[in-house]
Amino acid sequence: MKIWVDADAAPGDVKSIVARAALRLEIQTSFVANHRLQTPANNRFVSALRVEGGPDVADDLIAEQAQPGDLAITADIPLASRLVEKGVRTLDPRGTEYTRENIGERLSIRDFMDGLRSTGVETGGPRAWGTKEKQAFASSFDRALTKLTRGR
């Protein structure tokens, strides 16, 4: 089992929660981004993978290398769809799990909103990430890790 974090837009608290769990459970974890990342000191289980800039380069690396039984963290719905298809358990930074049952609807909504934005409609963005979202992520992440590590 390995943990993959789409780190370009992941909140710092999410990265901290994941890094602490990686150390505690001794799970190899990769933060993937198109910019330089600082990894936690004294945590040999967390590595940073820097990819060249460009659209979806980090996403492509995660999608290619993640395997069934891994856990991924991403807010990118197209990447989540690719991972779910492969059997990779996938969470967003707000604690919502992407599943075979909900990923199609999420992609449709994302595409619809993208279409609106392309015509000039201001759709706003997601609500601010705060304490409530941090707690929701930590809880969902813990549940996912428990399920995935039972078989280790």
C-alpha atoms as a PDB file:
ATOM      1  CA  MET A   1       0.000   0.000   0.000  1.00  0.00           C
ATOM      2  CA  LYS A   2       1.114   3.514  -0.808  1.00  0.00           C
ATOM      3  CA  ILE A   3      -0.436   6.945  -0.261  1.00  0.00           C
ATOM      4  CA  TRP A   4      -0.430   9.437  -3.147  1.00  0.00           C
ATOM      5  CA  VAL A   5      -1.138  13.134  -2.609  1.00  0.00           C
ATOM      6  CA  ASP A   6      -1.890  15.465  -5.506  1.00  0.00           C
ATOM      7  CA  ALA A   7       0.017  18.170  -3.659  1.00  0.00           C
ATOM      8  CA  ASP A   8      -0.297  21.108  -6.050  1.00  0.00           C
ATOM      9  CA  ALA A   9      -3.471  22.347  -4.388  1.00  0.00           C
ATOM     10  CA  ALA A  10      -3.711  20.223  -1.237  1.00  0.00           C
ATOM     11  CA  PRO A  11      -4.068  22.311   1.921  1.00  0.00           C
ATOM     12  CA  GLY A  12      -1.066  22.273   4.242  1.00  0.00           C
ATOM     13  CA  ASP A  13      -3.122  20.666   6.993  1.00  0.00           C
ATOM     14  CA  VAL A  14      -3.971  17.755   4.697  1.00  0.00           C
ATOM     15  CA  LYS A  15      -0.293  17.211   3.944  1.00  0.00           C
ATOM     16  CA  SER A  16       0.510  17.335   7.676  1.00  0.00           C
ATOM     17  CA  ILE A  17      -2.220  14.831   8.575  1.00  0.00           C
ATOM     18  CA  VAL A  18      -1.055  12.466   5.839  1.00  0.00           C
ATOM     19  CA  ALA A  19       2.628  12.791   6.799  1.00  0.00           C
ATOM     20  CA  ARG A  20       1.916  12.033  10.472  1.00  0.00           C
ATOM     21  CA  ALA A  21      -0.101   8.955   9.520  1.00  0.00           C
ATOM     22  CA  ALA A  22       2.620   7.775   7.123  1.00  0.00           C
ATOM     23  CA  LEU A  23       5.178   7.920   9.912  1.00  0.00           C
ATOM     24  CA  ARG A  24       2.902   6.341  12.512  1.00  0.00           C
ATOM     25  CA  LEU A  25       1.821   3.478  10.245  1.00  0.00           C
ATOM     26  CA  GLU A  26       5.069   3.238   8.242  1.00  0.00           C
ATOM     27  CA  ILE A  27       3.373   3.708   4.876  1.00  0.00           C
ATOM     28  CA  GLN A  28       5.327   5.008   1.884  1.00  0.00           C
ATOM     29  CA  THR A  29       3.782   8.289   0.794  1.00  0.00           C
ATOM     30  CA  SER A  30       4.450  10.493  -2.233  1.00  0.00           C
ATOM     31  CA  PHE A  31       3.530  14.154  -2.519  1.00  0.00           C
ATOM     32  CA  VAL A  32       3.402  14.916  -6.248  1.00  0.00           C
ATOM     33  CA  ALA A  33       3.509  18.501  -7.529  1.00  0.00           C
ATOM     34  CA  ASN A  34       4.866  20.669 -10.311  1.00  0.00           C
ATOM     35  CA  HIS A  35       6.695  22.850  -7.807  1.00  0.00           C
ATOM     36  CA  ARG A  36       9.271  22.234  -5.097  1.00  0.00           C
ATOM     37  CA  LEU A  37       7.818  20.770  -1.903  1.00  0.00           C
ATOM     38  CA  GLN A  38       9.216  20.625   1.582  1.00  0.00           C
ATOM     39  CA  THR A  39       8.922  17.173   3.145  1.00  0.00           C
ATOM     40  CA  PRO A  40       8.702  16.686   6.898  1.00  0.00           C
ATOM     41  CA  ALA A  41      12.041  16.301   8.657  1.00  0.00           C
ATOM     42  CA  ASN A  42      12.808  12.885  10.130  1.00  0.00           C
ATOM     43  CA  ASN A  43      10.068  11.133   8.178  1.00  0.00           C
ATOM     44  CA  ARG A  44      11.606   8.590   5.831  1.00  0.00           C
ATOM     45  CA  PHE A  45       8.161   7.468   4.662  1.00  0.00           C
ATOM     46  CA  VAL A  46       7.306  10.716   2.863  1.00  0.00           C
ATOM     47  CA  SER A  47       8.897  11.742  -0.408  1.00  0.00           C
ATOM     48  CA  ALA A  48       8.232  14.620  -2.769  1.00  0.00           C
ATOM     49  CA  LEU A  49       8.065  14.009  -6.495  1.00  0.00           C
ATOM     50  CA  ARG A  50       8.444  17.131  -8.589  1.00  0.00           C
ATOM     51  CA  VAL A  51       7.187  16.884 -12.154  1.00  0.00           C
ATOM     52  CA  GLU A  52       7.800  19.295 -15.001  1.00  0.00           C
ATOM     53  CA  GLY A  53       5.156  21.976 -15.387  1.00  0.00           C
ATOM     54  CA  GLY A  54       2.306  21.471 -17.745  1.00  0.00           C
ATOM     55  CA  PRO A  55      -1.321  20.519 -17.594  1.00  0.00           C
ATOM     56  CA  ASP A  56      -2.037  17.233 -15.852  1.00  0.00           C
ATOM     57  CA  VAL A  57       1.608  16.087 -15.588  1.00  0.00           C
ATOM     58  CA  ALA A  58       1.308  15.402 -11.840  1.00  0.00           C
ATOM     59  CA  ASP A  59      -2.091  13.786 -12.407  1.00  0.00           C
ATOM     60  CA  ASP A  60      -0.693  11.530 -15.116  1.00  0.00           C
ATOM     61  CA  LEU A  61       2.157  10.359 -12.878  1.00  0.00           C
ATOM     62  CA  ILE A  62      -0.224   9.516 -10.029  1.00  0.00           C
ATOM     63  CA  ALA A  63      -2.696   7.774 -12.349  1.00  0.00           C
ATOM     64  CA  GLU A  64       0.058   5.702 -13.966  1.00  0.00           C
ATOM     65  CA  GLN A  65       1.823   4.651 -10.777  1.00  0.00           C
ATOM     66  CA  ALA A  66      -1.012   4.203  -8.260  1.00  0.00           C
ATOM     67  CA  GLN A  67      -2.181   0.632  -7.836  1.00  0.00           C
ATOM     68  CA  PRO A  68      -5.305  -1.039  -6.446  1.00  0.00           C
ATOM     69  CA  GLY A  69      -5.015  -1.008  -2.669  1.00  0.00           C
ATOM     70  CA  ASP A  70      -3.321   2.407  -2.643  1.00  0.00           C
ATOM     71  CA  LEU A  71      -4.927   5.552  -1.250  1.00  0.00           C
ATOM     72  CA  ALA A  72      -4.931   8.860  -3.133  1.00  0.00           C
ATOM     73  CA  ILE A  73      -5.830  12.376  -2.056  1.00  0.00           C
ATOM     74  CA  THR A  74      -6.921  14.794  -4.788  1.00  0.00           C
ATOM     75  CA  ALA A  75      -9.431  17.540  -5.465  1.00  0.00           C
ATOM     76  CA  ASP A  76      -9.074  16.919  -9.209  1.00  0.00           C
ATOM     77  CA  ILE A  77     -12.222  15.083 -10.290  1.00  0.00           C
ATOM     78  CA  PRO A  78     -10.901  13.766 -13.649  1.00  0.00           C
ATOM     79  CA  LEU A  79      -7.861  12.324 -11.821  1.00  0.00           C
ATOM     80  CA  ALA A  80     -10.159  10.863  -9.168  1.00  0.00           C
ATOM     81  CA  SER A  81     -12.176   9.192 -11.917  1.00  0.00           C
ATOM     82  CA  ARG A  82      -9.065   7.575 -13.383  1.00  0.00           C
ATOM     83  CA  LEU A  83      -7.990   6.353  -9.945  1.00  0.00           C
ATOM     84  CA  VAL A  84     -11.392   4.987  -8.964  1.00  0.00           C
ATOM     85  CA  GLU A  85     -11.477   3.075 -12.270  1.00  0.00           C
ATOM     86  CA  LYS A  86      -8.156   1.449 -11.294  1.00  0.00           C
ATOM     87  CA  GLY A  87      -9.434   0.442  -7.851  1.00  0.00           C
ATOM     88  CA  VAL A  88      -7.491   3.099  -5.940  1.00  0.00           C
ATOM     89  CA  ARG A  89      -9.355   4.381  -2.863  1.00  0.00           C
ATOM     90  CA  THR A  90      -9.602   8.156  -3.429  1.00  0.00           C
ATOM     91  CA  LEU A  91     -10.515  11.038  -1.097  1.00  0.00           C
ATOM     92  CA  ASP A  92     -10.797  14.746  -1.658  1.00  0.00           C
ATOM     93  CA  PRO A  93      -9.243  17.190   0.842  1.00  0.00           C
ATOM     94  CA  ARG A  94     -12.669  17.794   2.369  1.00  0.00           C
ATOM     95  CA  GLY A  95     -13.071  14.137   3.321  1.00  0.00           C
ATOM     96  CA  THR A  96     -15.454  13.020   0.580  1.00  0.00           C
ATOM     97  CA  GLU A  97     -14.618   9.634  -0.888  1.00  0.00           C
ATOM     98  CA  TYR A  98     -14.887   9.264  -4.637  1.00  0.00           C
ATOM     99  CA  THR A  99     -16.515   5.936  -5.514  1.00  0.00           C
ATOM    100  CA  ARG A 100     -17.760   4.107  -8.583  1.00  0.00           C
ATOM    101  CA  GLU A 101     -21.253   5.146  -7.492  1.00  0.00           C
ATOM    102  CA  ASN A 102     -20.621   8.904  -7.271  1.00  0.00           C
ATOM    103  CA  ILE A 103     -17.760   9.691  -9.652  1.00  0.00           C
ATOM    104  CA  GLY A 104     -19.949   9.898 -12.780  1.00  0.00           C
ATOM    105  CA  GLU A 105     -22.215  12.502 -11.177  1.00  0.00           C
ATOM    106  CA  ARG A 106     -19.226  14.470  -9.908  1.00  0.00           C
ATOM    107  CA  LEU A 107     -17.681  14.513 -13.405  1.00  0.00           C
ATOM    108  CA  SER A 108     -20.980  15.669 -14.920  1.00  0.00           C
ATOM    109  CA  ILE A 109     -21.327  18.529 -12.433  1.00  0.00           C
ATOM    110  CA  ARG A 110     -17.687  19.521 -12.936  1.00  0.00           C
ATOM    111  CA  ASP A 111     -18.108  19.545 -16.727  1.00  0.00           C
ATOM    112  CA  PHE A 112     -21.375  21.502 -16.480  1.00  0.00           C
ATOM    113  CA  MET A 113     -19.768  24.152 -14.243  1.00  0.00           C
ATOM    114  CA  ASP A 114     -16.726  24.295 -16.531  1.00  0.00           C
ATOM    115  CA  GLY A 115     -19.066  24.889 -19.457  1.00  0.00           C
ATOM    116  CA  LEU A 116     -20.783  27.725 -17.610  1.00  0.00           C
ATOM    117  CA  ARG A 117     -17.443  29.342 -16.765  1.00  0.00           C
ATOM    118  CA  SER A 118     -16.312  29.086 -20.396  1.00  0.00           C
ATOM    119  CA  THR A 119     -19.328  31.191 -21.427  1.00  0.00           C
ATOM    120  CA  GLY A 120     -18.457  33.896 -18.902  1.00  0.00           C
ATOM    121  CA  VAL A 121     -20.811  32.920 -16.099  1.00  0.00           C
ATOM    122  CA  GLU A 122     -19.234  33.473 -12.692  1.00  0.00           C
ATOM    123  CA  THR A 123     -19.917  30.328 -10.693  1.00  0.00           C
ATOM    124  CA  GLY A 124     -17.884  31.161  -7.601  1.00  0.00           C
ATOM    125  CA  GLY A 125     -15.591  28.602  -6.125  1.00  0.00           C
ATOM    126  CA  PRO A 126     -15.644  26.107  -3.330  1.00  0.00           C
ATOM    127  CA  ARG A 127     -16.247  27.394   0.177  1.00  0.00           C
ATOM    128  CA  ALA A 128     -13.163  28.197   2.229  1.00  0.00           C
ATOM    129  CA  TRP A 129     -11.242  25.268   3.687  1.00  0.00           C
ATOM    130  CA  GLY A 130     -11.256  25.507   7.471  1.00  0.00           C
ATOM    131  CA  THR A 131     -11.521  23.604  10.739  1.00  0.00           C
ATOM    132  CA  LYS A 132     -14.724  21.762   9.778  1.00  0.00           C
ATOM    133  CA  GLU A 133     -13.169  20.530   6.525  1.00  0.00           C
ATOM    134  CA  LYS A 134      -9.943  19.568   8.296  1.00  0.00           C
ATOM    135  CA  GLN A 135     -11.877  17.441  10.785  1.00  0.00           C
ATOM    136  CA  ALA A 136     -13.962  15.841   8.034  1.00  0.00           C
ATOM    137  CA  PHE A 137     -10.812  14.982   6.076  1.00  0.00           C
ATOM    138  CA  ALA A 138      -9.002  13.580   9.123  1.00  0.00           C
ATOM    139  CA  SER A 139     -11.978  11.369   9.979  1.00  0.00           C
ATOM    140  CA  SER A 140     -12.455  10.047   6.434  1.00  0.00           C
ATOM    141  CA  PHE A 141      -8.711   9.557   5.998  1.00  0.00           C
ATOM    142  CA  ASP A 142      -8.527   7.564   9.236  1.00  0.00           C
ATOM    143  CA  ARG A 143     -11.452   5.335   8.166  1.00  0.00           C
ATOM    144  CA  ALA A 144      -9.883   4.720   4.741  1.00  0.00           C
ATOM    145  CA  LEU A 145      -6.497   3.886   6.281  1.00  0.00           C
ATOM    146  CA  THR A 146      -8.107   1.490   8.750  1.00  0.00           C
ATOM    147  CA  LYS A 147      -9.884  -0.369   5.943  1.00  0.00           C
ATOM    148  CA  LEU A 148      -6.788  -0.513   3.753  1.00  0.00           C
ATOM    149  CA  THR A 149      -4.321  -1.523   6.466  1.00  0.00           C
ATOM    150  CA  ARG A 150      -6.398  -4.376   7.919  1.00  0.00           C
ATOM    151  CA  GLY A 151      -5.061  -6.718   5.268  1.00  0.00           C
ATOM    152  CA  ARG A 152      -1.417  -5.674   5.624  1.00  0.00           C
END
